[in-house]
Amino acid sequence: MGRHIDRPAPGRDADRAEPPGTSASDDGWTAELRAACGCSALLLGLLLVIDMGSGRLTGLRALLWVALAVLLFVVLVPPR
């Protein structure tokens, strides 16, 4: 997606140059993290609203819905 690899040019900024190799950056990581948060929060909100509307929401069921939303977040969060 928004991945960019910078390679230092030889002789350019030699006094401040990084060690030989490559440095990588992912410009879209924060957007993907926000999307993962949004999806899991939306799922949690919908599950709680539907369960409250049916009148069957208990503390244990709410805890299970939170665990499901956290699991979705862990699956969707992009690696750094």
PDB file of N, CA and C in Angstrom:
ATOM      1  N   MET A   1       0.830  -1.182   0.000  1.00  0.00           N
ATOM      2  CA  MET A   1       0.000   0.000   0.000  1.00  0.00           C
ATOM      3  C   MET A   1       0.873   1.244   0.000  1.00  0.00           C
ATOM      4  N   GLY A   2       1.145   1.834   1.137  1.00  0.00           N
ATOM      5  CA  GLY A   2       1.909   3.058   1.204  1.00  0.00           C
ATOM      6  C   GLY A   2       3.328   2.812   1.683  1.00  0.00           C
ATOM      7  N   ARG A   3       3.931   1.706   1.293  1.00  0.00           N
ATOM      8  CA  ARG A   3       5.271   1.381   1.767  1.00  0.00           C
ATOM      9  C   ARG A   3       6.309   2.085   0.917  1.00  0.00           C
ATOM     10  N   HIS A   4       7.332   2.560   1.575  1.00  0.00           N
ATOM     11  CA  HIS A   4       8.377   3.310   0.900  1.00  0.00           C
ATOM     12  C   HIS A   4       9.717   2.901   1.492  1.00  0.00           C
ATOM     13  N   ILE A   5      10.663   2.560   0.654  1.00  0.00           N
ATOM     14  CA  ILE A   5      11.987   2.157   1.112  1.00  0.00           C
ATOM     15  C   ILE A   5      12.981   3.220   0.674  1.00  0.00           C
ATOM     16  N   ASP A   6      13.731   3.766   1.627  1.00  0.00           N
ATOM     17  CA  ASP A   6      14.747   4.768   1.339  1.00  0.00           C
ATOM     18  C   ASP A   6      16.114   4.116   1.391  1.00  0.00           C
ATOM     19  N   ARG A   7      16.913   4.341   0.374  1.00  0.00           N
ATOM     20  CA  ARG A   7      18.299   3.892   0.366  1.00  0.00           C
ATOM     21  C   ARG A   7      19.180   5.139   0.325  1.00  0.00           C
ATOM     22  N   PRO A   8      20.110   5.250   1.268  1.00  0.00           N
ATOM     23  CA  PRO A   8      20.966   6.429   1.268  1.00  0.00           C
ATOM     24  C   PRO A   8      21.874   6.445   0.038  1.00  0.00           C
ATOM     25  N   ALA A   9      22.021   7.619  -0.543  1.00  0.00           N
ATOM     26  CA  ALA A   9      22.899   7.767  -1.703  1.00  0.00           C
ATOM     27  C   ALA A   9      24.344   7.820  -1.226  1.00  0.00           C
ATOM     28  N   PRO A  10      25.274   7.176  -1.938  1.00  0.00           N
ATOM     29  CA  PRO A  10      26.670   7.193  -1.508  1.00  0.00           C
ATOM     30  C   PRO A  10      27.247   8.608  -1.555  1.00  0.00           C
ATOM     31  N   GLY A  11      27.946   8.991  -0.500  1.00  0.00           N
ATOM     32  CA  GLY A  11      28.586  10.291  -0.436  1.00  0.00           C
ATOM     33  C   GLY A  11      27.684  11.435  -0.026  1.00  0.00           C
ATOM     34  N   ARG A  12      26.423  11.200   0.066  1.00  0.00           N
ATOM     35  CA  ARG A  12      25.465  12.249   0.417  1.00  0.00           C
ATOM     36  C   ARG A  12      25.246  12.237   1.918  1.00  0.00           C
ATOM     37  N   ASP A  13      25.485  13.359   2.556  1.00  0.00           N
ATOM     38  CA  ASP A  13      25.349  13.472   4.016  1.00  0.00           C
ATOM     39  C   ASP A  13      26.123  12.358   4.714  1.00  0.00           C
ATOM     40  N   ALA A  14      27.376  12.188   4.351  1.00  0.00           N
ATOM     41  CA  ALA A  14      28.177  11.081   4.876  1.00  0.00           C
ATOM     42  C   ALA A  14      28.359  11.175   6.386  1.00  0.00           C
ATOM     43  N   ASP A  15      28.414  12.384   6.929  1.00  0.00           N
ATOM     44  CA  ASP A  15      28.612  12.512   8.370  1.00  0.00           C
ATOM     45  C   ASP A  15      27.357  12.151   9.158  1.00  0.00           C
ATOM     46  N   ARG A  16      26.193  12.239   8.562  1.00  0.00           N
ATOM     47  CA  ARG A  16      24.937  11.905   9.245  1.00  0.00           C
ATOM     48  C   ARG A  16      24.284  10.661   8.669  1.00  0.00           C
ATOM     49  N   ALA A  17      24.982   9.926   7.853  1.00  0.00           N
ATOM     50  CA  ALA A  17      24.393   8.778   7.164  1.00  0.00           C
ATOM     51  C   ALA A  17      24.114   7.646   8.146  1.00  0.00           C
ATOM     52  N   GLU A  18      23.093   6.892   7.831  1.00  0.00           N
ATOM     53  CA  GLU A  18      22.759   5.705   8.606  1.00  0.00           C
ATOM     54  C   GLU A  18      23.723   4.588   8.224  1.00  0.00           C
ATOM     55  N   PRO A  19      23.821   3.563   9.047  1.00  0.00           N
ATOM     56  CA  PRO A  19      24.647   2.427   8.668  1.00  0.00           C
ATOM     57  C   PRO A  19      24.138   1.816   7.363  1.00  0.00           C
ATOM     58  N   PRO A  20      25.005   1.105   6.644  1.00  0.00           N
ATOM     59  CA  PRO A  20      24.577   0.515   5.375  1.00  0.00           C
ATOM     60  C   PRO A  20      23.356  -0.377   5.571  1.00  0.00           C
ATOM     61  N   GLY A  21      22.485  -0.363   4.625  1.00  0.00           N
ATOM     62  CA  GLY A  21      21.263  -1.144   4.695  1.00  0.00           C
ATOM     63  C   GLY A  21      20.105  -0.308   4.206  1.00  0.00           C
ATOM     64  N   THR A  22      18.939  -0.726   4.552  1.00  0.00           N
ATOM     65  CA  THR A  22      17.758   0.011   4.140  1.00  0.00           C
ATOM     66  C   THR A  22      16.925   0.364   5.346  1.00  0.00           C
ATOM     67  N   SER A  23      16.203   1.427   5.235  1.00  0.00           N
ATOM     68  CA  SER A  23      15.225   1.774   6.254  1.00  0.00           C
ATOM     69  C   SER A  23      13.869   1.806   5.567  1.00  0.00           C
ATOM     70  N   ALA A  24      12.899   1.233   6.206  1.00  0.00           N
ATOM     71  CA  ALA A  24      11.572   1.144   5.611  1.00  0.00           C
ATOM     72  C   ALA A  24      10.582   1.906   6.469  1.00  0.00           C
ATOM     73  N   SER A  25       9.604   2.481   5.822  1.00  0.00           N
ATOM     74  CA  SER A  25       8.531   3.149   6.549  1.00  0.00           C
ATOM     75  C   SER A  25       7.211   2.779   5.890  1.00  0.00           C
ATOM     76  N   ASP A  26       6.184   2.735   6.692  1.00  0.00           N
ATOM     77  CA  ASP A  26       4.851   2.403   6.204  1.00  0.00           C
ATOM     78  C   ASP A  26       3.957   3.594   6.489  1.00  0.00           C
ATOM     79  N   ASP A  27       3.663   4.353   5.446  1.00  0.00           N
ATOM     80  CA  ASP A  27       2.878   5.574   5.617  1.00  0.00           C
ATOM     81  C   ASP A  27       1.414   5.303   5.941  1.00  0.00           C
ATOM     82  N   GLY A  28       0.911   4.119   5.630  1.00  0.00           N
ATOM     83  CA  GLY A  28      -0.492   3.828   5.859  1.00  0.00           C
ATOM     84  C   GLY A  28      -0.778   3.095   7.153  1.00  0.00           C
ATOM     85  N   TRP A  29       0.259   2.915   8.007  1.00  0.00           N
ATOM     86  CA  TRP A  29       0.067   2.119   9.212  1.00  0.00           C
ATOM     87  C   TRP A  29      -0.940   2.751  10.162  1.00  0.00           C
ATOM     88  N   THR A  30      -0.861   4.047  10.367  1.00  0.00           N
ATOM     89  CA  THR A  30      -1.777   4.689  11.315  1.00  0.00           C
ATOM     90  C   THR A  30      -3.214   4.646  10.812  1.00  0.00           C
ATOM     91  N   ALA A  31      -3.403   4.769   9.503  1.00  0.00           N
ATOM     92  CA  ALA A  31      -4.758   4.686   8.954  1.00  0.00           C
ATOM     93  C   ALA A  31      -5.325   3.279   9.131  1.00  0.00           C
ATOM     94  N   GLU A  32      -4.482   2.260   8.937  1.00  0.00           N
ATOM     95  CA  GLU A  32      -4.937   0.889   9.128  1.00  0.00           C
ATOM     96  C   GLU A  32      -5.235   0.608  10.593  1.00  0.00           C
ATOM     97  N   LEU A  33      -4.453   1.199  11.494  1.00  0.00           N
ATOM     98  CA  LEU A  33      -4.715   1.037  12.926  1.00  0.00           C
ATOM     99  C   LEU A  33      -6.045   1.684  13.313  1.00  0.00           C
ATOM    100  N   ARG A  34      -6.308   2.888  12.777  1.00  0.00           N
ATOM    101  CA  ARG A  34      -7.597   3.552  13.044  1.00  0.00           C
ATOM    102  C   ARG A  34      -8.748   2.723  12.491  1.00  0.00           C
ATOM    103  N   ALA A  35      -8.583   2.129  11.326  1.00  0.00           N
ATOM    104  CA  ALA A  35      -9.638   1.295  10.747  1.00  0.00           C
ATOM    105  C   ALA A  35      -9.896   0.067  11.611  1.00  0.00           C
ATOM    106  N   ALA A  36      -8.842  -0.532  12.142  1.00  0.00           N
ATOM    107  CA  ALA A  36      -9.005  -1.691  13.024  1.00  0.00           C
ATOM    108  C   ALA A  36      -9.755  -1.301  14.292  1.00  0.00           C
ATOM    109  N   CYS A  37      -9.424  -0.140  14.857  1.00  0.00           N
ATOM    110  CA  CYS A  37     -10.137   0.351  16.050  1.00  0.00           C
ATOM    111  C   CYS A  37     -11.605   0.618  15.728  1.00  0.00           C
ATOM    112  N   GLY A  38     -11.839   1.251  14.599  1.00  0.00           N
ATOM    113  CA  GLY A  38     -13.212   1.567  14.210  1.00  0.00           C
ATOM    114  C   GLY A  38     -14.058   0.329  13.977  1.00  0.00           C
ATOM    115  N   CYS A  39     -13.504  -0.657  13.295  1.00  0.00           N
ATOM    116  CA  CYS A  39     -14.259  -1.893  13.023  1.00  0.00           C
ATOM    117  C   CYS A  39     -14.595  -2.632  14.313  1.00  0.00           C
ATOM    118  N   SER A  40     -13.617  -2.742  15.206  1.00  0.00           N
ATOM    119  CA  SER A  40     -13.893  -3.463  16.450  1.00  0.00           C
ATOM    120  C   SER A  40     -14.863  -2.687  17.340  1.00  0.00           C
ATOM    121  N   ALA A  41     -14.766  -1.365  17.362  1.00  0.00           N
ATOM    122  CA  ALA A  41     -15.701  -0.566  18.160  1.00  0.00           C
ATOM    123  C   ALA A  41     -17.112  -0.639  17.570  1.00  0.00           C
ATOM    124  N   LEU A  42     -17.204  -0.614  16.260  1.00  0.00           N
ATOM    125  CA  LEU A  42     -18.512  -0.727  15.612  1.00  0.00           C
ATOM    126  C   LEU A  42     -19.155  -2.083  15.894  1.00  0.00           C
ATOM    127  N   LEU A  43     -18.359  -3.141  15.806  1.00  0.00           N
ATOM    128  CA  LEU A  43     -18.888  -4.473  16.114  1.00  0.00           C
ATOM    129  C   LEU A  43     -19.370  -4.540  17.556  1.00  0.00           C
ATOM    130  N   LEU A  44     -18.567  -4.028  18.487  1.00  0.00           N
ATOM    131  CA  LEU A  44     -18.961  -4.055  19.899  1.00  0.00           C
ATOM    132  C   LEU A  44     -20.242  -3.259  20.121  1.00  0.00           C
ATOM    133  N   GLY A  45     -20.323  -2.079  19.534  1.00  0.00           N
ATOM    134  CA  GLY A  45     -21.527  -1.268  19.696  1.00  0.00           C
ATOM    135  C   GLY A  45     -22.771  -1.957  19.143  1.00  0.00           C
ATOM    136  N   LEU A  46     -22.659  -2.528  17.961  1.00  0.00           N
ATOM    137  CA  LEU A  46     -23.811  -3.218  17.369  1.00  0.00           C
ATOM    138  C   LEU A  46     -24.234  -4.422  18.196  1.00  0.00           C
ATOM    139  N   LEU A  47     -23.263  -5.205  18.653  1.00  0.00           N
ATOM    140  CA  LEU A  47     -23.601  -6.380  19.452  1.00  0.00           C
ATOM    141  C   LEU A  47     -24.280  -5.983  20.759  1.00  0.00           C
ATOM    142  N   LEU A  48     -23.780  -4.936  21.406  1.00  0.00           N
ATOM    143  CA  LEU A  48     -24.397  -4.506  22.663  1.00  0.00           C
ATOM    144  C   LEU A  48     -25.795  -3.935  22.444  1.00  0.00           C
ATOM    145  N   VAL A  49     -25.976  -3.148  21.388  1.00  0.00           N
ATOM    146  CA  VAL A  49     -27.297  -2.571  21.102  1.00  0.00           C
ATOM    147  C   VAL A  49     -28.303  -3.658  20.772  1.00  0.00           C
ATOM    148  N   ILE A  50     -27.897  -4.618  19.960  1.00  0.00           N
ATOM    149  CA  ILE A  50     -28.817  -5.704  19.590  1.00  0.00           C
ATOM    150  C   ILE A  50     -29.169  -6.540  20.813  1.00  0.00           C
ATOM    151  N   ASP A  51     -28.166  -6.824  21.648  1.00  0.00           N
ATOM    152  CA  ASP A  51     -28.429  -7.628  22.837  1.00  0.00           C
ATOM    153  C   ASP A  51     -29.296  -6.872  23.845  1.00  0.00           C
ATOM    154  N   MET A  52     -29.076  -5.554  23.987  1.00  0.00           N
ATOM    155  CA  MET A  52     -29.928  -4.769  24.884  1.00  0.00           C
ATOM    156  C   MET A  52     -31.355  -4.690  24.346  1.00  0.00           C
ATOM    157  N   GLY A  53     -31.475  -4.562  23.036  1.00  0.00           N
ATOM    158  CA  GLY A  53     -32.804  -4.488  22.426  1.00  0.00           C
ATOM    159  C   GLY A  53     -33.600  -5.760  22.619  1.00  0.00           C
ATOM    160  N   SER A  54     -32.908  -6.889  22.636  1.00  0.00           N
ATOM    161  CA  SER A  54     -33.623  -8.152  22.842  1.00  0.00           C
ATOM    162  C   SER A  54     -33.889  -8.415  24.316  1.00  0.00           C
ATOM    163  N   GLY A  55     -33.254  -7.647  25.204  1.00  0.00           N
ATOM    164  CA  GLY A  55     -33.489  -7.803  26.633  1.00  0.00           C
ATOM    165  C   GLY A  55     -32.695  -8.944  27.252  1.00  0.00           C
ATOM    166  N   ARG A  56     -31.704  -9.443  26.570  1.00  0.00           N
ATOM    167  CA  ARG A  56     -30.949 -10.584  27.095  1.00  0.00           C
ATOM    168  C   ARG A  56     -29.522 -10.217  27.472  1.00  0.00           C
ATOM    169  N   LEU A  57     -29.197  -8.923  27.565  1.00  0.00           N
ATOM    170  CA  LEU A  57     -27.839  -8.515  27.897  1.00  0.00           C
ATOM    171  C   LEU A  57     -27.573  -8.718  29.386  1.00  0.00           C
ATOM    172  N   THR A  58     -26.556  -9.486  29.690  1.00  0.00           N
ATOM    173  CA  THR A  58     -26.114  -9.689  31.070  1.00  0.00           C
ATOM    174  C   THR A  58     -24.649  -9.295  31.135  1.00  0.00           C
ATOM    175  N   GLY A  59     -24.104  -9.270  32.312  1.00  0.00           N
ATOM    176  CA  GLY A  59     -22.697  -8.930  32.478  1.00  0.00           C
ATOM    177  C   GLY A  59     -21.775  -9.909  31.769  1.00  0.00           C
ATOM    178  N   LEU A  60     -22.108 -11.189  31.858  1.00  0.00           N
ATOM    179  CA  LEU A  60     -21.290 -12.205  31.211  1.00  0.00           C
ATOM    180  C   LEU A  60     -21.342 -12.078  29.689  1.00  0.00           C
ATOM    181  N   ARG A  61     -22.536 -11.833  29.163  1.00  0.00           N
ATOM    182  CA  ARG A  61     -22.658 -11.668  27.706  1.00  0.00           C
ATOM    183  C   ARG A  61     -21.926 -10.416  27.237  1.00  0.00           C
ATOM    184  N   ALA A  62     -21.998  -9.336  28.002  1.00  0.00           N
ATOM    185  CA  ALA A  62     -21.272  -8.122  27.636  1.00  0.00           C
ATOM    186  C   ALA A  62     -19.766  -8.382  27.643  1.00  0.00           C
ATOM    187  N   LEU A  63     -19.284  -9.135  28.612  1.00  0.00           N
ATOM    188  CA  LEU A  63     -17.870  -9.490  28.664  1.00  0.00           C
ATOM    189  C   LEU A  63     -17.472 -10.336  27.459  1.00  0.00           C
ATOM    190  N   LEU A  64     -18.321 -11.236  27.051  1.00  0.00           N
ATOM    191  CA  LEU A  64     -18.041 -12.048  25.861  1.00  0.00           C
ATOM    192  C   LEU A  64     -18.005 -11.187  24.599  1.00  0.00           C
ATOM    193  N   TRP A  65     -18.900 -10.210  24.495  1.00  0.00           N
ATOM    194  CA  TRP A  65     -18.897  -9.326  23.328  1.00  0.00           C
ATOM    195  C   TRP A  65     -17.629  -8.469  23.304  1.00  0.00           C
ATOM    196  N   VAL A  66     -17.199  -8.017  24.478  1.00  0.00           N
ATOM    197  CA  VAL A  66     -15.961  -7.235  24.547  1.00  0.00           C
ATOM    198  C   VAL A  66     -14.777  -8.099  24.132  1.00  0.00           C
ATOM    199  N   ALA A  67     -14.748  -9.347  24.589  1.00  0.00           N
ATOM    200  CA  ALA A  67     -13.663 -10.254  24.214  1.00  0.00           C
ATOM    201  C   ALA A  67     -13.661 -10.497  22.701  1.00  0.00           C
ATOM    202  N   LEU A  68     -14.837 -10.614  22.101  1.00  0.00           N
ATOM    203  CA  LEU A  68     -14.925 -10.810  20.660  1.00  0.00           C
ATOM    204  C   LEU A  68     -14.422  -9.582  19.902  1.00  0.00           C
ATOM    205  N   ALA A  69     -14.760  -8.405  20.386  1.00  0.00           N
ATOM    206  CA  ALA A  69     -14.289  -7.174  19.747  1.00  0.00           C
ATOM    207  C   ALA A  69     -12.773  -7.021  19.891  1.00  0.00           C
ATOM    208  N   VAL A  70     -12.231  -7.386  21.039  1.00  0.00           N
ATOM    209  CA  VAL A  70     -10.780  -7.330  21.238  1.00  0.00           C
ATOM    210  C   VAL A  70     -10.083  -8.326  20.321  1.00  0.00           C
ATOM    211  N   LEU A  71     -10.651  -9.504  20.180  1.00  0.00           N
ATOM    212  CA  LEU A  71     -10.090 -10.500  19.265  1.00  0.00           C
ATOM    213  C   LEU A  71     -10.087  -9.987  17.825  1.00  0.00           C
ATOM    214  N   LEU A  72     -11.160  -9.352  17.406  1.00  0.00           N
ATOM    215  CA  LEU A  72     -11.201  -8.766  16.062  1.00  0.00           C
ATOM    216  C   LEU A  72     -10.132  -7.698  15.912  1.00  0.00           C
ATOM    217  N   PHE A  73      -9.958  -6.869  16.925  1.00  0.00           N
ATOM    218  CA  PHE A  73      -8.926  -5.831  16.868  1.00  0.00           C
ATOM    219  C   PHE A  73      -7.537  -6.451  16.740  1.00  0.00           C
ATOM    220  N   VAL A  74      -7.264  -7.493  17.500  1.00  0.00           N
ATOM    221  CA  VAL A  74      -5.945  -8.143  17.442  1.00  0.00           C
ATOM    222  C   VAL A  74      -5.706  -8.737  16.058  1.00  0.00           C
ATOM    223  N   VAL A  75      -6.735  -9.278  15.459  1.00  0.00           N
ATOM    224  CA  VAL A  75      -6.591  -9.856  14.118  1.00  0.00           C
ATOM    225  C   VAL A  75      -6.368  -8.772  13.071  1.00  0.00           C
ATOM    226  N   LEU A  76      -7.057  -7.647  13.207  1.00  0.00           N
ATOM    227  CA  LEU A  76      -6.994  -6.603  12.183  1.00  0.00           C
ATOM    228  C   LEU A  76      -5.826  -5.638  12.346  1.00  0.00           C
ATOM    229  N   VAL A  77      -5.241  -5.517  13.522  1.00  0.00           N
ATOM    230  CA  VAL A  77      -4.192  -4.531  13.708  1.00  0.00           C
ATOM    231  C   VAL A  77      -2.989  -4.911  12.842  1.00  0.00           C
ATOM    232  N   PRO A  78      -2.482  -3.944  12.098  1.00  0.00           N
ATOM    233  CA  PRO A  78      -1.359  -4.243  11.183  1.00  0.00           C
ATOM    234  C   PRO A  78      -0.050  -4.388  11.944  1.00  0.00           C
ATOM    235  N   PRO A  79       0.837  -5.223  11.453  1.00  0.00           N
ATOM    236  CA  PRO A  79       2.139  -5.324  12.112  1.00  0.00           C
ATOM    237  C   PRO A  79       2.940  -4.044  11.922  1.00  0.00           C
ATOM    238  N   ARG A  80       3.728  -3.689  12.882  1.00  0.00           N
ATOM    239  CA  ARG A  80       4.508  -2.447  12.838  1.00  0.00           C
ATOM    240  C   ARG A  80       5.740  -2.632  11.999  1.00  0.00           C
TER     241      ARG A  80
END
